[in-house]
Amino acid sequence: MITELTPDTYDEMVSSSNNPVVIDFWAPWCGPCRVLSPVLEEIASEISDEVTIFKMNIEDYPEYATKFDIKAIPALVVIKNGSYMGRVPTATGFGKSSLTERIRIAIAD
């Protein structure tokens, strides 16, 4: 199961990860977010040795949406060694194999 980040856990969880991190910014009312969630759960369990995936609800923590300039959700932000590296493209859909490949490309940069 993907861990939900809060402001209290963000720094510790993100900085303590030995892997690159992908944060799924979402909201409960977002239809595409609900479609993406089970796919990300599968990916997170399958490539946990390569990447750590977290979730953050932008309704509860809008300051993080602002911090990462999130204008639309779902948005997948990549953080590596504590630094923002960019985003995983989601415009082409949420197919598991395609999204897994896009995550791998994003964390390799």
Protein backbone atom coordinates (compact mmCIF):
# COMPACT_ATOMS: atom_id res chain seq x y z
CA MET A 1 0.00 0.00 0.00
CA ILE A 2 1.25 3.48 -0.90
CA THR A 3 1.89 5.72 2.11
CA GLU A 4 0.03 9.03 2.32
CA LEU A 5 2.36 11.94 3.08
CA THR A 6 1.48 14.80 5.42
CA PRO A 7 3.50 17.92 6.26
CA ASP A 8 4.59 16.12 9.44
CA THR A 9 5.93 13.08 7.56
CA TYR A 10 7.03 14.65 4.27
CA ASP A 11 10.64 15.56 5.13
CA GLU A 12 11.37 12.36 7.01
CA MET A 13 9.79 9.98 4.49
CA VAL A 14 11.13 11.63 1.36
CA SER A 15 14.64 12.29 2.65
CA SER A 16 15.02 8.88 4.31
CA SER A 17 14.17 6.96 1.15
CA ASN A 18 17.13 5.09 -0.33
CA ASN A 19 15.33 5.16 -3.67
CA PRO A 20 14.18 7.98 -5.90
CA VAL A 21 10.69 9.10 -4.85
CA VAL A 22 7.54 9.62 -6.90
CA ILE A 23 4.75 11.57 -5.21
CA ASP A 24 1.25 11.19 -6.59
CA PHE A 25 -0.58 14.48 -6.01
CA TRP A 26 -4.31 13.73 -6.01
CA ALA A 27 -7.72 14.71 -4.61
CA PRO A 28 -10.71 12.55 -3.63
CA TRP A 29 -13.02 14.18 -6.20
CA CYS A 30 -10.59 13.59 -9.11
CA GLY A 31 -11.82 10.81 -11.42
CA PRO A 32 -8.48 10.27 -13.20
CA CYS A 33 -6.79 10.11 -9.76
CA ARG A 34 -9.09 7.24 -8.79
CA VAL A 35 -8.24 5.44 -12.05
CA LEU A 36 -4.50 5.94 -11.50
CA SER A 37 -4.44 4.85 -7.85
CA PRO A 38 -4.76 1.04 -8.26
CA VAL A 39 -2.28 1.08 -11.15
CA LEU A 40 0.25 2.92 -8.99
CA GLU A 41 -0.36 0.46 -6.15
CA GLU A 42 0.60 -2.42 -8.46
CA ILE A 43 3.63 -0.59 -9.82
CA ALA A 44 4.78 0.39 -6.32
CA SER A 45 4.77 -3.23 -5.21
CA GLU A 46 6.50 -4.48 -8.36
CA ILE A 47 9.36 -1.96 -8.55
CA SER A 48 9.80 -1.12 -4.86
CA ASP A 49 13.51 -1.87 -5.20
CA GLU A 50 13.80 0.97 -7.76
CA VAL A 51 11.45 3.70 -6.53
CA THR A 52 9.36 4.65 -3.51
CA ILE A 53 5.89 5.96 -4.32
CA PHE A 54 3.92 8.19 -1.97
CA LYS A 55 0.60 10.03 -2.24
CA MET A 56 -0.34 13.54 -1.13
CA ASN A 57 -3.86 14.96 -1.10
CA ILE A 58 -3.74 18.51 -2.50
CA GLU A 59 -7.05 19.39 -0.86
CA ASP A 60 -5.56 18.75 2.56
CA TYR A 61 -2.13 20.23 1.77
CA PRO A 62 -2.48 22.85 -0.98
CA GLU A 63 0.85 24.41 -0.01
CA TYR A 64 2.59 21.36 -1.52
CA ALA A 65 0.69 21.78 -4.77
CA THR A 66 1.96 25.35 -4.82
CA LYS A 67 5.50 24.27 -3.93
CA PHE A 68 5.63 21.97 -6.95
CA ASP A 69 3.55 24.24 -9.23
CA ILE A 70 0.80 21.63 -9.63
CA LYS A 71 -1.88 23.03 -11.94
CA ALA A 72 -3.68 19.78 -12.77
CA ILE A 73 -4.02 16.40 -11.13
CA PRO A 74 -3.06 13.66 -11.03
CA ALA A 75 0.54 14.85 -11.06
CA LEU A 76 3.50 12.58 -10.42
CA VAL A 77 6.51 14.48 -9.06
CA VAL A 78 9.98 12.92 -9.02
CA ILE A 79 12.42 13.65 -6.18
CA LYS A 80 15.90 12.20 -6.21
CA ASN A 81 18.47 12.70 -3.44
CA GLY A 82 16.15 15.27 -1.91
CA SER A 83 15.94 17.40 -5.06
CA TYR A 84 13.00 17.96 -7.39
CA MET A 85 13.80 16.29 -10.71
CA GLY A 86 10.59 16.83 -12.69
CA ARG A 87 7.42 14.92 -13.41
CA VAL A 88 6.33 11.62 -14.83
CA PRO A 89 4.16 12.35 -17.88
CA THR A 90 0.56 11.19 -17.41
CA ALA A 91 -1.11 12.72 -20.46
CA THR A 92 -0.68 9.53 -22.47
CA GLY A 93 -2.72 7.44 -20.03
CA PHE A 94 -2.41 5.11 -17.10
CA GLY A 95 -1.59 1.77 -18.68
CA LYS A 96 0.55 -0.18 -16.22
CA SER A 97 3.43 -1.14 -18.51
CA SER A 98 3.60 2.29 -20.13
CA LEU A 99 3.44 4.11 -16.80
CA THR A 100 6.08 1.80 -15.31
CA GLU A 101 8.39 2.62 -18.21
CA ARG A 102 7.72 6.37 -17.85
CA ILE A 103 8.54 6.15 -14.12
CA ARG A 104 11.77 4.29 -14.85
CA ILE A 105 12.77 6.91 -17.42
CA ALA A 106 11.95 9.77 -15.03
CA ILE A 107 13.97 8.36 -12.14
CA ALA A 108 16.95 7.54 -14.38
CA ASP A 109 17.61 11.19 -15.24
